[in-house]
Amino acid sequence: MIPDKIVFVDDSLEDAFNNLIEKDPTKKALIKAIKDIKGNCYCGRNVKKKLIPKKLIEKYGINNLWIYNLPSSWRLLYSLTNSGEI
């Protein structure tokens, strides 16, 4: 399964990402993560369903959660959907 589309959970998060300068190491790491996820959407570590915070399930209606480790102990959380929407 190769994702057709990457969707940010909200506009403010997408704006924050877009406002990072291109040389920012965090932006570079996020771009690499997005490319990796597009190449293999299962490249992250799967969170067991019982450990997904209820707040995320209620707010975004997700039923799966994945963790992609970034440098400096940062983590990218992502969910997979069939529709391309969260």
Protein backbone atom coordinates (compact mmCIF):
# COMPACT_ATOMS: atom_id res chain seq x y z
CA MET A 1 0.00 0.00 0.00
CA ILE A 2 1.56 3.27 -1.12
CA PRO A 3 -0.10 6.41 0.16
CA ASP A 4 -1.38 8.72 -2.57
CA LYS A 5 -1.43 11.71 -0.33
CA ILE A 6 0.04 13.01 2.92
CA VAL A 7 -2.45 15.02 4.99
CA PHE A 8 -1.54 17.14 8.00
CA VAL A 9 -3.87 16.79 10.96
CA ASP A 10 -4.62 20.54 10.92
CA ASP A 11 -3.72 23.67 9.01
CA SER A 12 -1.60 25.19 11.79
CA LEU A 13 0.68 22.14 11.79
CA GLU A 14 1.05 22.31 8.02
CA ASP A 15 1.76 26.06 8.24
CA ALA A 16 4.44 25.46 10.91
CA PHE A 17 6.09 22.85 8.67
CA ASN A 18 5.95 25.14 5.61
CA ASN A 19 7.41 28.05 7.61
CA LEU A 20 10.55 26.11 8.55
CA ILE A 21 13.56 27.14 6.47
CA GLU A 22 14.78 24.54 3.99
CA LYS A 23 18.11 24.10 5.81
CA ASP A 24 16.42 23.41 9.16
CA PRO A 25 17.47 19.91 10.32
CA THR A 26 13.96 19.20 11.59
CA LYS A 27 12.43 20.04 8.21
CA LYS A 28 15.02 17.87 6.45
CA ALA A 29 14.22 14.97 8.80
CA LEU A 30 10.47 15.42 8.24
CA ILE A 31 10.90 15.49 4.47
CA LYS A 32 12.95 12.27 4.67
CA ALA A 33 10.27 10.70 6.88
CA ILE A 34 7.52 11.64 4.42
CA LYS A 35 9.52 10.13 1.54
CA ASP A 36 10.16 6.97 3.57
CA ILE A 37 6.47 6.65 4.48
CA LYS A 38 5.42 7.21 0.86
CA GLY A 39 7.82 4.41 -0.14
CA ASN A 40 6.71 2.04 2.63
CA CYS A 41 3.81 3.19 4.76
CA TYR A 42 4.64 0.47 7.31
CA CYS A 43 8.20 1.72 7.92
CA GLY A 44 7.26 3.12 11.32
CA ARG A 45 6.56 1.27 14.52
CA ASN A 46 2.92 0.29 15.01
CA VAL A 47 1.23 1.34 18.25
CA LYS A 48 -1.00 -1.35 19.75
CA LYS A 49 -4.64 -0.35 19.47
CA LYS A 50 -5.19 -0.44 23.23
CA LEU A 51 -2.32 2.07 23.66
CA ILE A 52 -3.67 4.67 21.22
CA PRO A 53 -4.83 7.64 23.32
CA LYS A 54 -8.63 7.83 23.39
CA LYS A 55 -8.37 11.56 22.72
CA LEU A 56 -6.83 10.85 19.30
CA ILE A 57 -9.47 8.26 18.49
CA GLU A 58 -12.32 10.61 19.46
CA LYS A 59 -10.88 13.75 17.87
CA TYR A 60 -9.60 12.28 14.59
CA GLY A 61 -11.45 8.98 14.28
CA ILE A 62 -8.26 7.01 13.77
CA ASN A 63 -8.05 3.27 14.31
CA ASN A 64 -4.30 2.89 13.84
CA LEU A 65 -1.24 4.85 14.87
CA TRP A 66 2.36 4.60 13.75
CA ILE A 67 5.54 6.16 15.13
CA TYR A 68 8.47 7.20 12.95
CA ASN A 69 11.58 8.10 14.95
CA LEU A 70 13.24 11.37 14.03
CA PRO A 71 16.63 12.74 15.17
CA SER A 72 17.02 14.38 18.59
CA SER A 73 14.36 12.14 20.17
CA TRP A 74 11.55 13.67 18.09
CA ARG A 75 8.84 11.40 16.75
CA LEU A 76 6.40 11.69 13.89
CA LEU A 77 3.00 10.16 14.57
CA TYR A 78 0.95 9.09 11.58
CA SER A 79 -2.15 7.13 10.75
CA LEU A 80 -3.10 5.24 7.60
CA THR A 81 -6.49 5.58 5.92
CA ASN A 82 -8.05 4.33 2.72
CA SER A 83 -9.52 7.67 1.78
CA GLY A 84 -6.43 9.82 2.25
CA GLU A 85 -8.22 11.83 4.92
CA ILE A 86 -7.90 11.83 8.66
